[in-house]
C-alpha atoms as a PDB file:
ATOM      1  CA  UNK A   1      72.429 -78.446  20.741  1.00  0.00           C
ATOM      2  CA  UNK A   2      75.482 -76.696  21.748  1.00  0.00           C
ATOM      3  CA  UNK A   3      77.878 -76.862  25.000  1.00  0.00           C
ATOM      4  CA  UNK A   4      80.143 -74.367  26.718  1.00  0.00           C
ATOM      5  CA  UNK A   5      82.353 -74.755  29.434  1.00  0.00           C
ATOM      6  CA  UNK A   6      83.198 -71.768  31.628  1.00  0.00           C
ATOM      7  CA  UNK A   7      86.297 -72.318  33.903  1.00  0.00           C
ATOM      8  CA  UNK A   8      86.735 -69.563  36.759  1.00  0.00           C
ATOM      9  CA  UNK A   9      90.090 -69.334  38.838  1.00  0.00           C
ATOM     10  CA  UNK A  10      90.115 -67.593  42.321  1.00  0.00           C
ATOM     11  CA  UNK A  11      92.508 -66.271  44.562  1.00  0.00           C
ATOM     12  CA  UNK A  12      91.215 -66.124  48.005  1.00  0.00           C
ATOM     13  CA  UNK A  13      93.637 -64.051  50.137  1.00  0.00           C
ATOM     14  CA  UNK A  14      94.131 -64.614  53.701  1.00  0.00           C
ATOM     15  CA  UNK A  15      92.249 -67.653  53.524  1.00  0.00           C
ATOM     16  CA  UNK A  16      93.663 -70.462  56.096  1.00  0.00           C
ATOM     17  CA  UNK A  17      91.793 -73.557  56.298  1.00  0.00           C
ATOM     18  CA  UNK A  18      89.469 -75.561  54.029  1.00  0.00           C
ATOM     19  CA  UNK A  19      86.375 -74.732  56.080  1.00  0.00           C
ATOM     20  CA  UNK A  20      86.851 -70.963  55.434  1.00  0.00           C
ATOM     21  CA  UNK A  21      87.336 -71.863  51.861  1.00  0.00           C
ATOM     22  CA  UNK A  22      83.955 -73.453  51.430  1.00  0.00           C
ATOM     23  CA  UNK A  23      82.424 -70.602  53.443  1.00  0.00           C
ATOM     24  CA  UNK A  24      84.124 -68.062  51.221  1.00  0.00           C
ATOM     25  CA  UNK A  25      82.888 -69.817  47.907  1.00  0.00           C
ATOM     26  CA  UNK A  26      79.448 -69.475  49.163  1.00  0.00           C
ATOM     27  CA  UNK A  27      77.552 -72.410  47.767  1.00  0.00           C
ATOM     28  CA  UNK A  28      78.229 -72.109  44.150  1.00  0.00           C
ATOM     29  CA  UNK A  29      76.513 -75.622  43.904  1.00  0.00           C
ATOM     30  CA  UNK A  30      72.999 -74.351  45.385  1.00  0.00           C
ATOM     31  CA  UNK A  31      73.112 -71.091  43.420  1.00  0.00           C
ATOM     32  CA  UNK A  32      73.902 -72.414  39.963  1.00  0.00           C
ATOM     33  CA  UNK A  33      72.916 -76.377  40.180  1.00  0.00           C
ATOM     34  CA  UNK A  34      69.014 -75.394  40.351  1.00  0.00           C
ATOM     35  CA  UNK A  35      69.528 -74.404  36.576  1.00  0.00           C
ATOM     36  CA  UNK A  36      68.781 -77.286  34.212  1.00  0.00           C
ATOM     37  CA  UNK A  37      70.906 -76.025  31.586  1.00  0.00           C
ATOM     38  CA  UNK A  38      74.025 -75.750  34.149  1.00  0.00           C
ATOM     39  CA  UNK A  39      76.438 -78.374  35.804  1.00  0.00           C
ATOM     40  CA  UNK A  40      78.715 -77.177  38.489  1.00  0.00           C
ATOM     41  CA  UNK A  41      81.746 -78.706  39.963  1.00  0.00           C
ATOM     42  CA  UNK A  42      85.024 -77.530  41.870  1.00  0.00           C
ATOM     43  CA  UNK A  43      87.470 -78.558  39.082  1.00  0.00           C
ATOM     44  CA  UNK A  44      90.760 -77.646  40.800  1.00  0.00           C
ATOM     45  CA  UNK A  45      92.761 -76.321  43.727  1.00  0.00           C
ATOM     46  CA  UNK A  46      90.976 -78.626  46.061  1.00  0.00           C
ATOM     47  CA  UNK A  47      93.697 -78.788  48.697  1.00  0.00           C
ATOM     48  CA  UNK A  48      94.761 -75.172  48.481  1.00  0.00           C
ATOM     49  CA  UNK A  49      93.387 -72.699  51.281  1.00  0.00           C
ATOM     50  CA  UNK A  50      93.952 -69.715  49.242  1.00  0.00           C
ATOM     51  CA  UNK A  51      92.977 -70.816  45.542  1.00  0.00           C
ATOM     52  CA  UNK A  52      89.751 -72.473  43.749  1.00  0.00           C
ATOM     53  CA  UNK A  53      88.661 -73.522  40.638  1.00  0.00           C
ATOM     54  CA  UNK A  54      85.298 -74.013  39.389  1.00  0.00           C
ATOM     55  CA  UNK A  55      83.887 -75.190  35.956  1.00  0.00           C
ATOM     56  CA  UNK A  56      80.380 -74.624  34.971  1.00  0.00           C
ATOM     57  CA  UNK A  57      78.970 -76.694  31.794  1.00  0.00           C
ATOM     58  CA  UNK A  58      76.190 -75.050  30.181  1.00  0.00           C
ATOM     59  CA  UNK A  59      73.765 -76.724  27.562  1.00  0.00           C
ATOM     60  CA  UNK A  60      71.548 -74.765  25.399  1.00  0.00           C
ATOM     61  CA  UNK A  61      70.249 -74.428  21.427  1.00  0.00           C
ATOM     62  CA  UNK A  62      72.709 -71.905  20.333  1.00  0.00           C
ATOM     63  CA  UNK A  63      76.079 -70.599  21.148  1.00  0.00           C
ATOM     64  CA  UNK A  64      74.087 -67.197  21.670  1.00  0.00           C
ATOM     65  CA  UNK A  65      72.176 -68.321  24.865  1.00  0.00           C
ATOM     66  CA  UNK A  66      75.580 -69.944  26.087  1.00  0.00           C
ATOM     67  CA  UNK A  67      77.484 -66.973  26.168  1.00  0.00           C
ATOM     68  CA  UNK A  68      74.554 -65.209  27.821  1.00  0.00           C
ATOM     69  CA  UNK A  69      74.148 -67.849  30.656  1.00  0.00           C
ATOM     70  CA  UNK A  70      78.267 -67.771  30.806  1.00  0.00           C
ATOM     71  CA  UNK A  71      78.159 -63.917  31.204  1.00  0.00           C
ATOM     72  CA  UNK A  72      75.180 -64.100  34.060  1.00  0.00           C
ATOM     73  CA  UNK A  73      77.128 -66.653  35.868  1.00  0.00           C
ATOM     74  CA  UNK A  74      80.430 -64.627  35.758  1.00  0.00           C
ATOM     75  CA  UNK A  75      78.623 -61.282  36.641  1.00  0.00           C
ATOM     76  CA  UNK A  76      76.901 -63.122  39.623  1.00  0.00           C
ATOM     77  CA  UNK A  77      79.853 -64.909  41.063  1.00  0.00           C
ATOM     78  CA  UNK A  78      82.016 -61.722  41.111  1.00  0.00           C
ATOM     79  CA  UNK A  79      79.363 -60.010  43.115  1.00  0.00           C
ATOM     80  CA  UNK A  80      79.018 -62.753  45.573  1.00  0.00           C
ATOM     81  CA  UNK A  81      82.104 -64.749  46.067  1.00  0.00           C
ATOM     82  CA  UNK A  82      84.686 -63.234  48.735  1.00  0.00           C
ATOM     83  CA  UNK A  83      87.655 -63.699  46.478  1.00  0.00           C
ATOM     84  CA  UNK A  84      89.222 -62.405  43.161  1.00  0.00           C
ATOM     85  CA  UNK A  85      88.630 -63.988  39.755  1.00  0.00           C
ATOM     86  CA  UNK A  86      92.067 -64.542  38.401  1.00  0.00           C
ATOM     87  CA  UNK A  87      91.323 -66.256  35.478  1.00  0.00           C
ATOM     88  CA  UNK A  88      88.418 -66.778  33.059  1.00  0.00           C
ATOM     89  CA  UNK A  89      88.557 -69.478  30.399  1.00  0.00           C
ATOM     90  CA  UNK A  90      85.509 -70.201  27.823  1.00  0.00           C
ATOM     91  CA  UNK A  91      85.215 -73.475  25.644  1.00  0.00           C
ATOM     92  CA  UNK A  92      82.604 -74.484  23.083  1.00  0.00           C
ATOM     93  CA  UNK A  93      82.055 -78.094  22.153  1.00  0.00           C
END
């Protein structure tokens, strides 16, 4: 069993409230939490309006599967979130 952690840091230009931040991040829990191989959480920048950090923990039988799932998550997030991805970090355990 292999475990990977994908952490994405976002900049949300013009975001002026925590409510707007939640709307702009657009339900990452709902989209990715349905997959039993992925756990999702907001891991940083919780009190800032213009920034957010999210972590995705991915479990699979091979490192290759984890890489594929992380790439799919990254692509979908970049297409659907109203903000800029400023940093991407991948770790393997």
